[in-house]
Amino acid sequence: MRAAVNLEAVVRTLSGDSTLRMNKVQSSEIQHILKLPGDESIVKVLGWCDTVPNYLICEPLSRGNLSDHLTEEFSAKKVHLYDNTKQKRFQVAEKGNAENLPKYALQVARGLTFLTKHRFLSPGLRSKKVLLDHAGRCKLYDFVSMENAKEWIGLFWNKNVPFQWMPPEFLFLETISSAGDVWSFGVLIWEMFSYGSEPYQGQTRADVEKSLRANRLLPKPDNCPGAIWQVMKSCWEPDAEKRTNIYDVTSELLQCATRIG
């Protein structure tokens, strides 16, 4: 007799207008993903269906994405209202769970370290690409092997490039690498310590490119610890070859989380 088991899962698939080439590339990607060892920092893949379109079966994560969580956690509705925006932000930091932010940053960095080690990339990494499990732990999804990254972006991003998170070498030369993920991660940390604000809000891609050419970076968030700000800036080295790597970033964030926590 076989015992009955209730298993919850999330099924992801391509849109109905996907091309055969998209399905072929996704099939190739799934084969790469299934070879990955398990790690608590990335979304677990439970299986897949080799159909057209493909279906990817993943573990369910009940607390949504980090972007929505930050917006809710640090909502102005949770604190007393002030006429001065800066005062309001300081009050939010006191009332919200700001002590979790270094922990979130470290968890995402560990996930990115895992992906880099296994030759995967997370182009356009941002808070919407980070999911939270029932315990509030951050997990990465929507990553791609280095082998297929260039074609993947061409097929699936089309013109919807998340330019606010992309490094200069991608915006100007369309270069994709683990160094680019580090740049995007720096912007993601900025999102965290800006309580879910959108980077370069209201600006066009041309505006952002102009700022990058002039080496004008995002401003330091009001309540961001100095050590975290230094990590951000190291992620935004314009020269990809001189930019810090995710292993060093993770080590620095571990020290920050230990001191701040």
Protein backbone atom coordinates (compact mmCIF):
# COMPACT_ATOMS: atom_id res chain seq x y z
CA MET A 1 0.00 0.00 0.00
CA ARG A 2 1.34 3.44 -0.91
CA ALA A 3 0.77 6.28 1.55
CA ALA A 4 -0.89 9.40 0.20
CA VAL A 5 1.26 12.52 0.30
CA ASN A 6 0.09 16.10 -0.17
CA LEU A 7 2.78 18.10 -1.95
CA GLU A 8 2.49 21.81 -2.61
CA ALA A 9 4.37 23.22 -5.57
CA VAL A 10 4.49 26.17 -7.95
CA VAL A 11 4.40 25.60 -11.70
CA ARG A 12 6.17 28.10 -13.93
CA THR A 13 5.92 28.16 -17.72
CA LEU A 14 6.52 30.40 -20.70
CA SER A 15 3.80 32.66 -22.02
CA GLY A 16 1.47 31.43 -24.72
CA ASP A 17 3.23 33.43 -27.43
CA SER A 18 6.64 31.85 -26.76
CA THR A 19 8.59 30.62 -29.77
CA LEU A 20 10.04 27.18 -30.37
CA ARG A 21 13.50 28.65 -29.86
CA MET A 22 12.46 29.97 -26.45
CA ASN A 23 11.26 26.52 -25.47
CA LYS A 24 14.47 24.93 -26.70
CA VAL A 25 16.63 27.35 -24.73
CA GLN A 26 14.49 26.85 -21.62
CA SER A 27 14.80 23.08 -21.98
CA SER A 28 18.57 23.46 -22.12
CA GLU A 29 18.47 25.71 -19.05
CA ILE A 30 16.38 23.26 -17.06
CA GLN A 31 18.95 20.55 -17.71
CA HIS A 32 21.65 22.81 -16.28
CA ILE A 33 19.51 23.72 -13.26
CA LEU A 34 18.66 20.11 -12.45
CA LYS A 35 22.38 19.36 -12.15
CA LEU A 36 22.83 21.99 -9.43
CA PRO A 37 23.32 20.68 -5.89
CA GLY A 38 20.71 21.76 -3.38
CA ASP A 39 21.24 25.03 -1.56
CA GLU A 40 18.93 26.95 0.78
CA SER A 41 19.76 30.23 -0.95
CA ILE A 42 18.04 29.38 -4.25
CA VAL A 43 14.54 28.22 -5.09
CA LYS A 44 14.37 24.43 -5.20
CA VAL A 45 13.33 22.85 -8.49
CA LEU A 46 11.18 19.75 -7.89
CA GLY A 47 10.82 18.65 -11.51
CA TRP A 48 9.78 19.63 -15.00
CA CYS A 49 7.60 18.61 -17.94
CA ASP A 50 9.28 18.39 -21.35
CA THR A 51 6.33 19.73 -23.31
CA VAL A 52 5.70 22.77 -25.46
CA PRO A 53 5.63 25.01 -23.57
CA ASN A 54 7.86 23.59 -20.81
CA TYR A 55 6.64 23.47 -17.24
CA LEU A 56 9.05 23.99 -14.33
CA ILE A 57 7.84 22.73 -10.95
CA CYS A 58 9.31 24.63 -7.98
CA GLU A 59 8.91 24.72 -4.22
CA PRO A 60 6.22 27.17 -3.03
CA LEU A 61 7.39 30.28 -1.20
CA SER A 62 4.53 31.81 0.72
CA ARG A 63 5.83 35.28 1.56
CA GLY A 64 6.18 36.72 -1.93
CA ASN A 65 9.08 38.75 -3.28
CA LEU A 66 11.45 41.00 -1.40
CA SER A 67 10.30 44.13 -3.22
CA ASP A 68 6.72 43.77 -1.98
CA HIS A 69 7.96 42.82 1.48
CA LEU A 70 10.09 45.95 1.78
CA THR A 71 7.25 48.17 0.60
CA GLU A 72 4.89 46.64 3.16
CA GLU A 73 7.36 46.38 6.03
CA PHE A 74 8.40 50.00 5.81
CA SER A 75 5.08 51.44 4.73
CA ALA A 76 4.35 54.92 6.06
CA LYS A 77 1.02 53.53 7.28
CA LYS A 78 2.88 51.73 10.04
CA VAL A 79 4.38 54.84 11.57
CA HIS A 80 3.37 58.31 12.66
CA LEU A 81 3.20 60.75 9.78
CA TYR A 82 5.57 63.69 9.60
CA ASP A 83 5.54 66.67 7.29
CA ASN A 84 9.25 66.21 6.59
CA THR A 85 10.02 63.20 4.38
CA LYS A 86 13.46 62.66 5.89
CA GLN A 87 12.03 62.58 9.42
CA LYS A 88 9.47 60.07 8.26
CA ARG A 89 12.19 57.80 6.92
CA PHE A 90 14.09 57.93 10.19
CA GLN A 91 10.91 57.03 12.05
CA VAL A 92 10.27 54.13 9.67
CA ALA A 93 13.74 52.79 10.38
CA GLU A 94 12.98 52.80 14.09
CA LYS A 95 9.58 51.14 13.80
CA GLY A 96 10.23 48.72 10.94
CA ASN A 97 12.47 45.67 11.18
CA ALA A 98 15.52 47.49 9.83
CA GLU A 99 17.77 45.04 11.70
CA ASN A 100 16.75 42.42 9.13
CA LEU A 101 18.21 44.35 6.19
CA PRO A 102 21.88 43.31 6.67
CA LYS A 103 20.65 39.73 7.07
CA TYR A 104 18.71 39.91 3.82
CA ALA A 105 21.72 41.36 2.02
CA LEU A 106 23.95 38.55 3.31
CA GLN A 107 21.45 35.86 2.30
CA VAL A 108 21.20 37.21 -1.24
CA ALA A 109 25.01 37.52 -1.44
CA ARG A 110 25.36 33.87 -0.43
CA GLY A 111 22.88 32.90 -3.13
CA LEU A 112 24.82 34.86 -5.71
CA THR A 113 28.05 33.27 -4.49
CA PHE A 114 26.51 29.84 -5.01
CA LEU A 115 25.39 30.71 -8.53
CA THR A 116 28.77 32.19 -9.46
CA LYS A 117 30.57 29.12 -8.17
CA HIS A 118 28.42 26.91 -10.41
CA ARG A 119 28.74 29.17 -13.47
CA PHE A 120 25.28 30.72 -13.35
CA LEU A 121 24.32 34.38 -13.68
CA SER A 122 21.39 36.44 -12.42
CA PRO A 123 21.20 39.31 -14.94
CA GLY A 124 19.21 42.27 -13.69
CA LEU A 125 19.25 40.99 -10.11
CA ARG A 126 16.83 43.09 -8.07
CA SER A 127 14.44 42.76 -5.15
CA LYS A 128 11.64 41.44 -7.38
CA LYS A 129 13.87 38.46 -8.23
CA VAL A 130 14.27 37.50 -4.57
CA LEU A 131 11.59 35.38 -2.89
CA LEU A 132 10.97 34.84 0.82
CA ASP A 133 10.17 31.47 2.37
CA HIS A 134 7.92 30.90 5.39
CA ALA A 135 10.83 31.64 7.75
CA GLY A 136 11.64 34.93 6.01
CA ARG A 137 14.79 33.67 4.30
CA CYS A 138 15.75 35.11 0.92
CA LYS A 139 16.01 32.79 -2.07
CA LEU A 140 17.03 33.57 -5.64
CA TYR A 141 15.22 32.43 -8.76
CA ASP A 142 15.22 33.35 -12.45
CA PHE A 143 18.91 32.69 -13.04
CA VAL A 144 20.61 31.37 -16.16
CA SER A 145 23.77 29.45 -17.04
CA MET A 146 26.71 31.41 -18.41
CA GLU A 147 26.46 29.22 -21.50
CA ASN A 148 22.98 30.47 -22.41
CA ALA A 149 22.94 33.91 -20.77
CA LYS A 150 23.46 36.02 -23.89
CA GLU A 151 20.81 34.27 -25.95
CA TRP A 152 18.44 34.06 -22.97
CA ILE A 153 18.45 37.82 -22.52
CA GLY A 154 17.98 38.40 -26.24
CA LEU A 155 14.98 36.06 -26.36
CA PHE A 156 13.21 36.80 -23.11
CA TRP A 157 13.99 40.41 -22.26
CA ASN A 158 13.24 41.81 -25.70
CA LYS A 159 13.12 45.56 -25.03
CA ASN A 160 12.20 45.24 -21.33
CA VAL A 161 15.73 45.70 -19.98
CA PRO A 162 15.82 46.52 -16.23
CA PHE A 163 18.32 49.26 -17.03
CA GLN A 164 18.29 50.78 -13.53
CA TRP A 165 20.04 47.66 -12.22
CA MET A 166 22.36 46.96 -15.14
CA PRO A 167 26.10 47.72 -15.15
CA PRO A 168 27.66 50.16 -17.61
CA GLU A 169 29.37 47.37 -19.56
CA PHE A 170 25.94 45.92 -20.37
CA LEU A 171 24.23 49.22 -21.16
CA PHE A 172 27.02 50.34 -23.48
CA LEU A 173 28.49 47.05 -24.75
CA GLU A 174 25.90 44.37 -23.85
CA THR A 175 28.54 42.46 -21.89
CA ILE A 176 27.18 39.91 -19.42
CA SER A 177 29.30 38.48 -16.60
CA SER A 178 29.43 37.69 -12.90
CA ALA A 179 30.97 41.16 -12.43
CA GLY A 180 27.73 42.59 -13.79
CA ASP A 181 25.79 40.63 -11.18
CA VAL A 182 27.89 42.30 -8.50
CA TRP A 183 26.92 45.74 -9.84
CA SER A 184 23.23 44.76 -9.84
CA PHE A 185 23.59 43.40 -6.32
CA GLY A 186 24.88 46.77 -5.17
CA VAL A 187 21.72 48.38 -6.54
CA LEU A 188 19.64 45.71 -4.80
CA ILE A 189 21.29 46.59 -1.46
CA TRP A 190 20.43 50.21 -2.19
CA GLU A 191 16.79 49.14 -2.63
CA MET A 192 16.86 47.41 0.75
CA PHE A 193 18.25 50.36 2.68
CA SER A 194 15.98 52.75 0.78
CA TYR A 195 13.02 50.69 2.05
CA GLY A 196 11.92 49.44 -1.34
CA SER A 197 12.36 52.66 -3.31
CA GLU A 198 12.97 52.31 -7.04
CA PRO A 199 16.48 53.30 -8.16
CA TYR A 200 16.62 56.20 -10.62
CA GLN A 201 12.86 56.57 -10.26
CA GLY A 202 11.26 58.44 -13.14
CA GLN A 203 14.43 58.40 -15.26
CA THR A 204 14.80 56.93 -18.72
CA ARG A 205 17.55 54.62 -19.87
CA ALA A 206 19.23 57.59 -21.57
CA ASP A 207 19.14 59.48 -18.26
CA VAL A 208 20.77 56.60 -16.40
CA GLU A 209 23.42 56.15 -19.08
CA LYS A 210 24.24 59.85 -18.89
CA SER A 211 24.65 59.59 -15.11
CA LEU A 212 26.92 56.56 -15.43
CA ARG A 213 29.12 58.28 -18.02
CA ALA A 214 29.51 61.16 -15.58
CA ASN A 215 30.16 58.69 -12.71
CA ARG A 216 27.11 59.98 -10.83
CA LEU A 217 25.94 57.12 -8.67
CA LEU A 218 22.88 56.57 -6.53
CA PRO A 219 22.91 58.62 -3.32
CA LYS A 220 23.57 57.10 0.09
CA PRO A 221 20.26 56.07 1.71
CA ASP A 222 19.43 58.14 4.78
CA ASN A 223 19.74 55.35 7.36
CA CYS A 224 22.35 53.16 5.67
CA PRO A 225 25.30 52.19 7.92
CA GLY A 226 28.64 53.42 6.65
CA ALA A 227 30.06 49.91 6.26
CA ILE A 228 27.12 48.85 4.08
CA TRP A 229 27.52 52.00 1.98
CA GLN A 230 31.17 51.14 1.37
CA VAL A 231 30.11 47.69 0.13
CA MET A 232 27.62 49.30 -2.26
CA LYS A 233 30.21 51.65 -3.69
CA SER A 234 32.69 48.80 -4.19
CA CYS A 235 30.02 47.05 -6.30
CA TRP A 236 29.77 50.13 -8.52
CA GLU A 237 33.36 50.28 -9.75
CA PRO A 238 32.93 51.35 -13.41
CA ASP A 239 35.71 49.05 -14.65
CA ALA A 240 34.33 45.49 -14.48
CA GLU A 241 37.82 44.01 -14.26
CA LYS A 242 38.62 46.12 -11.17
CA ARG A 243 35.22 45.62 -9.52
CA THR A 244 35.06 43.64 -6.31
CA ASN A 245 33.87 40.03 -6.56
CA ILE A 246 30.92 38.40 -4.84
CA TYR A 247 33.16 36.32 -2.57
CA ASP A 248 34.73 39.42 -1.03
CA VAL A 249 31.34 41.16 -0.87
CA THR A 250 29.87 38.22 1.03
CA SER A 251 32.76 38.24 3.50
CA GLU A 252 32.34 41.98 4.09
CA LEU A 253 28.58 41.66 4.57
CA LEU A 254 29.11 38.86 7.08
CA GLN A 255 31.29 41.18 9.12
CA CYS A 256 28.71 43.97 8.80
CA ALA A 257 25.85 41.70 9.87
CA THR A 258 27.88 40.51 12.86
CA ARG A 259 28.68 44.05 13.99
CA ILE A 260 25.24 45.50 13.33
CA GLY A 261 23.35 42.48 14.66
